[in-house]
Amino acid sequence: DSSRRIFKVEVKATAGDATGPFRMSPNEWECAIDAHHSKDTEYVIIRVANVRGKPILADLIQNPFALSRAAKLRLSSGEFLVYPGQPGSLDNKKGSADEKLP
């Protein structure tokens, strides 16, 4: 069926409260870019906090690449840290959020 959507889900977990950034690998970011450019694929990050106590859903981030381009999510390429809900843009030495990171 050509109307079927493929969801690629990445789960990030922390024992803390998830107020800080989280790490994302270059491969995960490339998957997010590929999904953004795909007609039938959606990339979603689910962030779970307090996993050793009472786990809670801290963030649900759909299409992180589009959010970074719209300055609604900040990605630091030096350490590959994602700052959800914080304005900014891709902090890439090449200066383009369209480029795949090393």
PDB file of N, CA and C in Angstrom:
ATOM      1  N   ASP A   1       0.847  -1.175   0.000  1.00  0.00           N
ATOM      2  CA  ASP A   1       0.000   0.000   0.000  1.00  0.00           C
ATOM      3  C   ASP A   1       0.890   1.235   0.000  1.00  0.00           C
ATOM      4  N   SER A   2       0.755   2.093  -0.988  1.00  0.00           N
ATOM      5  CA  SER A   2       1.612   3.263  -1.124  1.00  0.00           C
ATOM      6  C   SER A   2       1.287   4.363  -0.112  1.00  0.00           C
ATOM      7  N   SER A   3       0.169   4.266   0.603  1.00  0.00           N
ATOM      8  CA  SER A   3      -0.189   5.291   1.581  1.00  0.00           C
ATOM      9  C   SER A   3       0.360   4.981   2.979  1.00  0.00           C
ATOM     10  N   ARG A   4       1.057   3.896   3.129  1.00  0.00           N
ATOM     11  CA  ARG A   4       1.623   3.529   4.423  1.00  0.00           C
ATOM     12  C   ARG A   4       2.810   4.403   4.773  1.00  0.00           C
ATOM     13  N   ARG A   5       2.879   4.814   6.029  1.00  0.00           N
ATOM     14  CA  ARG A   5       4.005   5.612   6.522  1.00  0.00           C
ATOM     15  C   ARG A   5       4.926   4.707   7.337  1.00  0.00           C
ATOM     16  N   ILE A   6       6.188   4.981   7.243  1.00  0.00           N
ATOM     17  CA  ILE A   6       7.201   4.274   8.017  1.00  0.00           C
ATOM     18  C   ILE A   6       7.654   5.218   9.120  1.00  0.00           C
ATOM     19  N   PHE A   7       7.604   4.745  10.352  1.00  0.00           N
ATOM     20  CA  PHE A   7       8.061   5.541  11.483  1.00  0.00           C
ATOM     21  C   PHE A   7       9.361   4.964  12.005  1.00  0.00           C
ATOM     22  N   LYS A   8      10.385   5.785  12.043  1.00  0.00           N
ATOM     23  CA  LYS A   8      11.655   5.412  12.657  1.00  0.00           C
ATOM     24  C   LYS A   8      11.675   6.114  14.010  1.00  0.00           C
ATOM     25  N   VAL A   9      11.709   5.308  15.073  1.00  0.00           N
ATOM     26  CA  VAL A   9      11.600   5.848  16.422  1.00  0.00           C
ATOM     27  C   VAL A   9      12.910   5.624  17.165  1.00  0.00           C
ATOM     28  N   GLU A  10      13.453   6.708  17.687  1.00  0.00           N
ATOM     29  CA  GLU A  10      14.655   6.655  18.507  1.00  0.00           C
ATOM     30  C   GLU A  10      14.229   6.987  19.931  1.00  0.00           C
ATOM     31  N   VAL A  11      14.585   6.131  20.888  1.00  0.00           N
ATOM     32  CA  VAL A  11      14.237   6.379  22.286  1.00  0.00           C
ATOM     33  C   VAL A  11      15.504   6.774  23.033  1.00  0.00           C
ATOM     34  N   LYS A  12      15.432   7.915  23.706  1.00  0.00           N
ATOM     35  CA  LYS A  12      16.532   8.401  24.534  1.00  0.00           C
ATOM     36  C   LYS A  12      16.045   8.368  25.978  1.00  0.00           C
ATOM     37  N   ALA A  13      16.837   7.791  26.855  1.00  0.00           N
ATOM     38  CA  ALA A  13      16.429   7.650  28.253  1.00  0.00           C
ATOM     39  C   ALA A  13      17.471   8.281  29.165  1.00  0.00           C
ATOM     40  N   THR A  14      16.986   8.844  30.272  1.00  0.00           N
ATOM     41  CA  THR A  14      17.873   9.430  31.265  1.00  0.00           C
ATOM     42  C   THR A  14      17.337   9.137  32.660  1.00  0.00           C
ATOM     43  N   ALA A  15      18.253   8.952  33.590  1.00  0.00           N
ATOM     44  CA  ALA A  15      17.840   8.752  34.984  1.00  0.00           C
ATOM     45  C   ALA A  15      17.429  10.080  35.611  1.00  0.00           C
ATOM     46  N   GLY A  16      17.856  11.184  35.001  1.00  0.00           N
ATOM     47  CA  GLY A  16      17.546  12.512  35.528  1.00  0.00           C
ATOM     48  C   GLY A  16      16.214  13.044  35.028  1.00  0.00           C
ATOM     49  N   ASP A  17      16.097  14.375  35.096  1.00  0.00           N
ATOM     50  CA  ASP A  17      14.831  15.016  34.758  1.00  0.00           C
ATOM     51  C   ASP A  17      14.739  15.495  33.311  1.00  0.00           C
ATOM     52  N   ALA A  18      15.744  15.289  32.513  1.00  0.00           N
ATOM     53  CA  ALA A  18      15.749  15.625  31.084  1.00  0.00           C
ATOM     54  C   ALA A  18      15.692  17.122  30.824  1.00  0.00           C
ATOM     55  N   THR A  19      16.234  17.922  31.744  1.00  0.00           N
ATOM     56  CA  THR A  19      16.252  19.359  31.505  1.00  0.00           C
ATOM     57  C   THR A  19      17.426  19.781  30.622  1.00  0.00           C
ATOM     58  N   GLY A  20      18.435  18.937  30.537  1.00  0.00           N
ATOM     59  CA  GLY A  20      19.601  19.260  29.727  1.00  0.00           C
ATOM     60  C   GLY A  20      19.514  18.636  28.347  1.00  0.00           C
ATOM     61  N   PRO A  21      20.571  18.803  27.570  1.00  0.00           N
ATOM     62  CA  PRO A  21      20.603  18.231  26.222  1.00  0.00           C
ATOM     63  C   PRO A  21      20.820  16.719  26.269  1.00  0.00           C
ATOM     64  N   PHE A  22      20.654  16.084  25.114  1.00  0.00           N
ATOM     65  CA  PHE A  22      20.960  14.663  24.999  1.00  0.00           C
ATOM     66  C   PHE A  22      21.821  14.437  23.772  1.00  0.00           C
ATOM     67  N   ARG A  23      22.526  13.338  23.775  1.00  0.00           N
ATOM     68  CA  ARG A  23      23.426  13.012  22.658  1.00  0.00           C
ATOM     69  C   ARG A  23      22.662  12.338  21.516  1.00  0.00           C
ATOM     70  N   MET A  24      23.120  12.641  20.321  1.00  0.00           N
ATOM     71  CA  MET A  24      22.575  12.016  19.118  1.00  0.00           C
ATOM     72  C   MET A  24      23.770  11.668  18.240  1.00  0.00           C
ATOM     73  N   SER A  25      23.810  10.464  17.715  1.00  0.00           N
ATOM     74  CA  SER A  25      24.956  10.049  16.914  1.00  0.00           C
ATOM     75  C   SER A  25      24.851  10.632  15.497  1.00  0.00           C
ATOM     76  N   PRO A  26      25.976  10.715  14.800  1.00  0.00           N
ATOM     77  CA  PRO A  26      25.924  11.168  13.404  1.00  0.00           C
ATOM     78  C   PRO A  26      24.997  10.290  12.554  1.00  0.00           C
ATOM     79  N   ASN A  27      24.982   8.991  12.821  1.00  0.00           N
ATOM     80  CA  ASN A  27      24.111   8.085  12.076  1.00  0.00           C
ATOM     81  C   ASN A  27      22.631   8.394  12.344  1.00  0.00           C
ATOM     82  N   GLU A  28      22.295   8.691  13.599  1.00  0.00           N
ATOM     83  CA  GLU A  28      20.908   9.046  13.934  1.00  0.00           C
ATOM     84  C   GLU A  28      20.505  10.337  13.221  1.00  0.00           C
ATOM     85  N   TRP A  29      21.430  11.310  13.180  1.00  0.00           N
ATOM     86  CA  TRP A  29      21.124  12.576  12.505  1.00  0.00           C
ATOM     87  C   TRP A  29      20.930  12.355  11.005  1.00  0.00           C
ATOM     88  N   GLU A  30      21.755  11.508  10.408  1.00  0.00           N
ATOM     89  CA  GLU A  30      21.596  11.201   8.983  1.00  0.00           C
ATOM     90  C   GLU A  30      20.253  10.529   8.719  1.00  0.00           C
ATOM     91  N   CYS A  31      19.816   9.652   9.620  1.00  0.00           N
ATOM     92  CA  CYS A  31      18.489   9.027   9.488  1.00  0.00           C
ATOM     93  C   CYS A  31      17.389  10.087   9.550  1.00  0.00           C
ATOM     94  N   ALA A  32      17.572  11.074  10.436  1.00  0.00           N
ATOM     95  CA  ALA A  32      16.589  12.155  10.553  1.00  0.00           C
ATOM     96  C   ALA A  32      16.534  12.970   9.257  1.00  0.00           C
ATOM     97  N   ILE A  33      17.687  13.241   8.670  1.00  0.00           N
ATOM     98  CA  ILE A  33      17.736  13.985   7.402  1.00  0.00           C
ATOM     99  C   ILE A  33      17.073  13.183   6.294  1.00  0.00           C
ATOM    100  N   ASP A  34      17.430  11.898   6.200  1.00  0.00           N
ATOM    101  CA  ASP A  34      16.842  11.036   5.161  1.00  0.00           C
ATOM    102  C   ASP A  34      15.325  10.966   5.294  1.00  0.00           C
ATOM    103  N   ALA A  35      14.833  10.833   6.523  1.00  0.00           N
ATOM    104  CA  ALA A  35      13.382  10.764   6.745  1.00  0.00           C
ATOM    105  C   ALA A  35      12.717  12.083   6.352  1.00  0.00           C
ATOM    106  N   HIS A  36      13.379  13.192   6.649  1.00  0.00           N
ATOM    107  CA  HIS A  36      12.833  14.511   6.289  1.00  0.00           C
ATOM    108  C   HIS A  36      12.616  14.623   4.777  1.00  0.00           C
ATOM    109  N   HIS A  37      13.553  14.078   4.019  1.00  0.00           N
ATOM    110  CA  HIS A  37      13.484  14.169   2.562  1.00  0.00           C
ATOM    111  C   HIS A  37      12.646  13.058   1.931  1.00  0.00           C
ATOM    112  N   SER A  38      12.162  12.140   2.747  1.00  0.00           N
ATOM    113  CA  SER A  38      11.346  11.023   2.261  1.00  0.00           C
ATOM    114  C   SER A  38       9.865  11.389   2.319  1.00  0.00           C
ATOM    115  N   LYS A  39       9.115  10.866   1.373  1.00  0.00           N
ATOM    116  CA  LYS A  39       7.665  11.125   1.355  1.00  0.00           C
ATOM    117  C   LYS A  39       6.905  10.205   2.304  1.00  0.00           C
ATOM    118  N   ASP A  40       7.502   9.069   2.658  1.00  0.00           N
ATOM    119  CA  ASP A  40       6.752   8.085   3.446  1.00  0.00           C
ATOM    120  C   ASP A  40       7.388   7.722   4.782  1.00  0.00           C
ATOM    121  N   THR A  41       8.417   8.471   5.216  1.00  0.00           N
ATOM    122  CA  THR A  41       9.109   8.128   6.447  1.00  0.00           C
ATOM    123  C   THR A  41       9.093   9.300   7.413  1.00  0.00           C
ATOM    124  N   GLU A  42       8.827   9.000   8.673  1.00  0.00           N
ATOM    125  CA  GLU A  42       8.825  10.002   9.738  1.00  0.00           C
ATOM    126  C   GLU A  42       9.838   9.572  10.791  1.00  0.00           C
ATOM    127  N   TYR A  43      10.703  10.482  11.214  1.00  0.00           N
ATOM    128  CA  TYR A  43      11.690  10.208  12.257  1.00  0.00           C
ATOM    129  C   TYR A  43      11.218  10.875  13.540  1.00  0.00           C
ATOM    130  N   VAL A  44      11.138  10.101  14.607  1.00  0.00           N
ATOM    131  CA  VAL A  44      10.615  10.594  15.877  1.00  0.00           C
ATOM    132  C   VAL A  44      11.591  10.224  16.989  1.00  0.00           C
ATOM    133  N   ILE A  45      11.844  11.188  17.872  1.00  0.00           N
ATOM    134  CA  ILE A  45      12.653  10.920  19.057  1.00  0.00           C
ATOM    135  C   ILE A  45      11.727  10.985  20.264  1.00  0.00           C
ATOM    136  N   ILE A  46      11.744   9.925  21.048  1.00  0.00           N
ATOM    137  CA  ILE A  46      10.985   9.884  22.299  1.00  0.00           C
ATOM    138  C   ILE A  46      12.016   9.930  23.423  1.00  0.00           C
ATOM    139  N   ARG A  47      11.852  10.904  24.305  1.00  0.00           N
ATOM    140  CA  ARG A  47      12.786  11.054  25.414  1.00  0.00           C
ATOM    141  C   ARG A  47      12.063  10.727  26.721  1.00  0.00           C
ATOM    142  N   VAL A  48      12.610   9.759  27.433  1.00  0.00           N
ATOM    143  CA  VAL A  48      12.020   9.309  28.690  1.00  0.00           C
ATOM    144  C   VAL A  48      12.945   9.728  29.827  1.00  0.00           C
ATOM    145  N   ALA A  49      12.376  10.358  30.839  1.00  0.00           N
ATOM    146  CA  ALA A  49      13.148  10.818  32.000  1.00  0.00           C
ATOM    147  C   ALA A  49      12.801   9.979  33.229  1.00  0.00           C
ATOM    148  N   ASN A  50      13.677  10.050  34.212  1.00  0.00           N
ATOM    149  CA  ASN A  50      13.473   9.377  35.500  1.00  0.00           C
ATOM    150  C   ASN A  50      13.267   7.865  35.332  1.00  0.00           C
ATOM    151  N   VAL A  51      14.082   7.251  34.491  1.00  0.00           N
ATOM    152  CA  VAL A  51      13.897   5.828  34.188  1.00  0.00           C
ATOM    153  C   VAL A  51      14.150   4.897  35.366  1.00  0.00           C
ATOM    154  N   ARG A  52      14.866   5.358  36.375  1.00  0.00           N
ATOM    155  CA  ARG A  52      15.124   4.506  37.545  1.00  0.00           C
ATOM    156  C   ARG A  52      14.078   4.673  38.628  1.00  0.00           C
ATOM    157  N   GLY A  53      13.193   5.621  38.447  1.00  0.00           N
ATOM    158  CA  GLY A  53      12.135   5.855  39.432  1.00  0.00           C
ATOM    159  C   GLY A  53      10.785   5.654  38.779  1.00  0.00           C
ATOM    160  N   LYS A  54      10.095   6.752  38.583  1.00  0.00           N
ATOM    161  CA  LYS A  54       8.807   6.744  37.907  1.00  0.00           C
ATOM    162  C   LYS A  54       8.994   7.367  36.525  1.00  0.00           C
ATOM    163  N   PRO A  55       9.228   6.556  35.502  1.00  0.00           N
ATOM    164  CA  PRO A  55       9.506   7.109  34.175  1.00  0.00           C
ATOM    165  C   PRO A  55       8.369   7.999  33.654  1.00  0.00           C
ATOM    166  N   ILE A  56       8.788   9.095  32.988  1.00  0.00           N
ATOM    167  CA  ILE A  56       7.823   9.997  32.362  1.00  0.00           C
ATOM    168  C   ILE A  56       8.280  10.324  30.945  1.00  0.00           C
ATOM    169  N   LEU A  57       7.342  10.622  30.098  1.00  0.00           N
ATOM    170  CA  LEU A  57       7.652  11.074  28.752  1.00  0.00           C
ATOM    171  C   LEU A  57       8.052  12.538  28.848  1.00  0.00           C
ATOM    172  N   ALA A  58       9.318  12.832  28.559  1.00  0.00           N
ATOM    173  CA  ALA A  58       9.830  14.194  28.696  1.00  0.00           C
ATOM    174  C   ALA A  58       9.710  14.972  27.390  1.00  0.00           C
ATOM    175  N   ASP A  59       9.978  14.334  26.264  1.00  0.00           N
ATOM    176  CA  ASP A  59       9.938  14.987  24.954  1.00  0.00           C
ATOM    177  C   ASP A  59       9.459  14.017  23.898  1.00  0.00           C
ATOM    178  N   LEU A  60       8.713  14.535  22.956  1.00  0.00           N
ATOM    179  CA  LEU A  60       8.333  13.809  21.744  1.00  0.00           C
ATOM    180  C   LEU A  60       8.683  14.741  20.600  1.00  0.00           C
ATOM    181  N   ILE A  61       9.730  14.398  19.875  1.00  0.00           N
ATOM    182  CA  ILE A  61      10.269  15.285  18.849  1.00  0.00           C
ATOM    183  C   ILE A  61      10.056  14.650  17.481  1.00  0.00           C
ATOM    184  N   GLN A  62       9.188  15.245  16.684  1.00  0.00           N
ATOM    185  CA  GLN A  62       8.934  14.765  15.330  1.00  0.00           C
ATOM    186  C   GLN A  62       9.736  15.597  14.349  1.00  0.00           C
ATOM    187  N   ASN A  63      10.397  14.936  13.422  1.00  0.00           N
ATOM    188  CA  ASN A  63      11.185  15.570  12.378  1.00  0.00           C
ATOM    189  C   ASN A  63      12.191  16.570  12.959  1.00  0.00           C
ATOM    190  N   PRO A  64      13.190  16.091  13.707  1.00  0.00           N
ATOM    191  CA  PRO A  64      14.158  16.990  14.315  1.00  0.00           C
ATOM    192  C   PRO A  64      14.939  17.821  13.296  1.00  0.00           C
ATOM    193  N   PHE A  65      15.136  17.290  12.107  1.00  0.00           N
ATOM    194  CA  PHE A  65      15.852  18.052  11.079  1.00  0.00           C
ATOM    195  C   PHE A  65      15.059  19.307  10.706  1.00  0.00           C
ATOM    196  N   ALA A  66      13.755  19.166  10.483  1.00  0.00           N
ATOM    197  CA  ALA A  66      12.919  20.332  10.152  1.00  0.00           C
ATOM    198  C   ALA A  66      12.905  21.318  11.314  1.00  0.00           C
ATOM    199  N   LEU A  67      12.857  20.817  12.545  1.00  0.00           N
ATOM    200  CA  LEU A  67      12.870  21.701  13.709  1.00  0.00           C
ATOM    201  C   LEU A  67      14.178  22.479  13.810  1.00  0.00           C
ATOM    202  N   SER A  68      15.297  21.835  13.479  1.00  0.00           N
ATOM    203  CA  SER A  68      16.581  22.540  13.531  1.00  0.00           C
ATOM    204  C   SER A  68      16.641  23.614  12.451  1.00  0.00           C
ATOM    205  N   ARG A  69      16.093  23.333  11.285  1.00  0.00           N
ATOM    206  CA  ARG A  69      16.073  24.323  10.198  1.00  0.00           C
ATOM    207  C   ARG A  69      15.163  25.498  10.531  1.00  0.00           C
ATOM    208  N   ALA A  70      14.123  25.252  11.318  1.00  0.00           N
ATOM    209  CA  ALA A  70      13.180  26.309  11.709  1.00  0.00           C
ATOM    210  C   ALA A  70      13.620  26.992  13.014  1.00  0.00           C
ATOM    211  N   ALA A  71      14.813  26.669  13.486  1.00  0.00           N
ATOM    212  CA  ALA A  71      15.377  27.239  14.707  1.00  0.00           C
ATOM    213  C   ALA A  71      14.519  26.941  15.940  1.00  0.00           C
ATOM    214  N   LYS A  72      13.879  25.761  15.971  1.00  0.00           N
ATOM    215  CA  LYS A  72      13.077  25.356  17.126  1.00  0.00           C
ATOM    216  C   LYS A  72      13.759  24.253  17.930  1.00  0.00           C
ATOM    217  N   LEU A  73      14.917  23.828  17.464  1.00  0.00           N
ATOM    218  CA  LEU A  73      15.715  22.815  18.136  1.00  0.00           C
ATOM    219  C   LEU A  73      17.162  23.154  17.817  1.00  0.00           C
ATOM    220  N   ARG A  74      18.018  23.057  18.780  1.00  0.00           N
ATOM    221  CA  ARG A  74      19.422  23.394  18.559  1.00  0.00           C
ATOM    222  C   ARG A  74      20.262  22.127  18.625  1.00  0.00           C
ATOM    223  N   LEU A  75      21.153  21.980  17.660  1.00  0.00           N
ATOM    224  CA  LEU A  75      22.071  20.844  17.620  1.00  0.00           C
ATOM    225  C   LEU A  75      23.487  21.381  17.608  1.00  0.00           C
ATOM    226  N   SER A  76      24.284  20.945  18.547  1.00  0.00           N
ATOM    227  CA  SER A  76      25.688  21.309  18.591  1.00  0.00           C
ATOM    228  C   SER A  76      26.476  20.204  17.915  1.00  0.00           C
ATOM    229  N   SER A  77      27.039  20.491  16.765  1.00  0.00           N
ATOM    230  CA  SER A  77      27.721  19.456  15.990  1.00  0.00           C
ATOM    231  C   SER A  77      29.032  19.011  16.614  1.00  0.00           C
ATOM    232  N   GLY A  78      29.668  19.879  17.400  1.00  0.00           N
ATOM    233  CA  GLY A  78      30.944  19.511  18.004  1.00  0.00           C
ATOM    234  C   GLY A  78      30.830  18.295  18.900  1.00  0.00           C
ATOM    235  N   GLU A  79      29.774  18.241  19.696  1.00  0.00           N
ATOM    236  CA  GLU A  79      29.570  17.122  20.600  1.00  0.00           C
ATOM    237  C   GLU A  79      28.303  16.353  20.283  1.00  0.00           C
ATOM    238  N   PHE A  80      27.585  16.764  19.256  1.00  0.00           N
ATOM    239  CA  PHE A  80      26.320  16.142  18.874  1.00  0.00           C
ATOM    240  C   PHE A  80      25.333  16.122  20.018  1.00  0.00           C
ATOM    241  N   LEU A  81      25.126  17.280  20.626  1.00  0.00           N
ATOM    242  CA  LEU A  81      24.156  17.437  21.701  1.00  0.00           C
ATOM    243  C   LEU A  81      22.919  18.114  21.153  1.00  0.00           C
ATOM    244  N   VAL A  82      21.766  17.586  21.488  1.00  0.00           N
ATOM    245  CA  VAL A  82      20.493  18.146  21.050  1.00  0.00           C
ATOM    246  C   VAL A  82      19.852  18.871  22.225  1.00  0.00           C
ATOM    247  N   TYR A  83      19.429  20.107  21.985  1.00  0.00           N
ATOM    248  CA  TYR A  83      18.774  20.929  22.997  1.00  0.00           C
ATOM    249  C   TYR A  83      17.315  21.100  22.590  1.00  0.00           C
ATOM    250  N   PRO A  84      16.411  20.241  23.050  1.00  0.00           N
ATOM    251  CA  PRO A  84      15.010  20.344  22.644  1.00  0.00           C
ATOM    252  C   PRO A  84      14.361  21.604  23.209  1.00  0.00           C
ATOM    253  N   GLY A  85      13.489  22.182  22.405  1.00  0.00           N
ATOM    254  CA  GLY A  85      12.719  23.332  22.838  1.00  0.00           C
ATOM    255  C   GLY A  85      13.507  24.615  22.950  1.00  0.00           C
ATOM    256  N   GLN A  86      14.779  24.604  22.548  1.00  0.00           N
ATOM    257  CA  GLN A  86      15.585  25.805  22.639  1.00  0.00           C
ATOM    258  C   GLN A  86      15.842  26.340  21.243  1.00  0.00           C
ATOM    259  N   PRO A  87      15.538  27.613  21.031  1.00  0.00           N
ATOM    260  CA  PRO A  87      15.789  28.194  19.718  1.00  0.00           C
ATOM    261  C   PRO A  87      17.267  28.161  19.385  1.00  0.00           C
ATOM    262  N   GLY A  88      17.545  28.135  18.136  1.00  0.00           N
ATOM    263  CA  GLY A  88      18.920  28.133  17.670  1.00  0.00           C
ATOM    264  C   GLY A  88      18.968  27.463  16.324  1.00  0.00           C
ATOM    265  N   SER A  89      20.154  27.268  15.851  1.00  0.00           N
ATOM    266  CA  SER A  89      20.299  26.601  14.567  1.00  0.00           C
ATOM    267  C   SER A  89      21.436  25.613  14.666  1.00  0.00           C
ATOM    268  N   LEU A  90      21.620  24.865  13.617  1.00  0.00           N
ATOM    269  CA  LEU A  90      22.679  23.871  13.585  1.00  0.00           C
ATOM    270  C   LEU A  90      24.012  24.575  13.723  1.00  0.00           C
ATOM    271  N   ASP A  91      24.770  24.223  14.731  1.00  0.00           N
ATOM    272  CA  ASP A  91      26.058  24.839  14.990  1.00  0.00           C
ATOM    273  C   ASP A  91      27.117  24.037  14.243  1.00  0.00           C
ATOM    274  N   ASN A  92      27.093  24.152  12.932  1.00  0.00           N
ATOM    275  CA  ASN A  92      27.935  23.347  12.062  1.00  0.00           C
ATOM    276  C   ASN A  92      29.015  24.243  11.475  1.00  0.00           C
ATOM    277  N   LYS A  93      30.248  23.813  11.493  1.00  0.00           N
ATOM    278  CA  LYS A  93      31.328  24.619  10.933  1.00  0.00           C
ATOM    279  C   LYS A  93      31.070  24.962   9.468  1.00  0.00           C
ATOM    280  N   LYS A  94      30.381  24.087   8.752  1.00  0.00           N
ATOM    281  CA  LYS A  94      30.079  24.335   7.348  1.00  0.00           C
ATOM    282  C   LYS A  94      28.927  25.318   7.203  1.00  0.00           C
ATOM    283  N   GLY A  95      28.165  25.531   8.287  1.00  0.00           N
ATOM    284  CA  GLY A  95      27.140  26.551   8.288  1.00  0.00           C
ATOM    285  C   GLY A  95      25.835  26.195   7.627  1.00  0.00           C
ATOM    286  N   SER A  96      25.606  24.937   7.303  1.00  0.00           N
ATOM    287  CA  SER A  96      24.358  24.574   6.644  1.00  0.00           C
ATOM    288  C   SER A  96      23.722  23.373   7.317  1.00  0.00           C
ATOM    289  N   ALA A  97      22.450  23.525   7.685  1.00  0.00           N
ATOM    290  CA  ALA A  97      21.733  22.417   8.299  1.00  0.00           C
ATOM    291  C   ALA A  97      21.381  21.355   7.264  1.00  0.00           C
ATOM    292  N   ASP A  98      21.537  21.674   5.977  1.00  0.00           N
ATOM    293  CA  ASP A  98      21.227  20.703   4.931  1.00  0.00           C
ATOM    294  C   ASP A  98      22.345  19.682   4.754  1.00  0.00           C
ATOM    295  N   GLU A  99      23.512  19.996   5.227  1.00  0.00           N
ATOM    296  CA  GLU A  99      24.649  19.103   5.016  1.00  0.00           C
ATOM    297  C   GLU A  99      24.663  18.000   6.051  1.00  0.00           C
ATOM    298  N   LYS A 100      25.018  16.824   5.620  1.00  0.00           N
ATOM    299  CA  LYS A 100      25.170  15.719   6.553  1.00  0.00           C
ATOM    300  C   LYS A 100      26.431  15.927   7.355  1.00  0.00           C
ATOM    301  N   LEU A 101      26.336  15.654   8.620  1.00  0.00           N
ATOM    302  CA  LEU A 101      27.484  15.855   9.498  1.00  0.00           C
ATOM    303  C   LEU A 101      28.392  14.640   9.476  1.00  0.00           C
ATOM    304  N   PRO A 102      29.679  14.883   9.745  1.00  0.00           N
ATOM    305  CA  PRO A 102      30.635  13.756   9.733  1.00  0.00           C
ATOM    306  C   PRO A 102      30.349  12.768  10.840  1.00  0.00           C
TER     307      PRO A 102
END
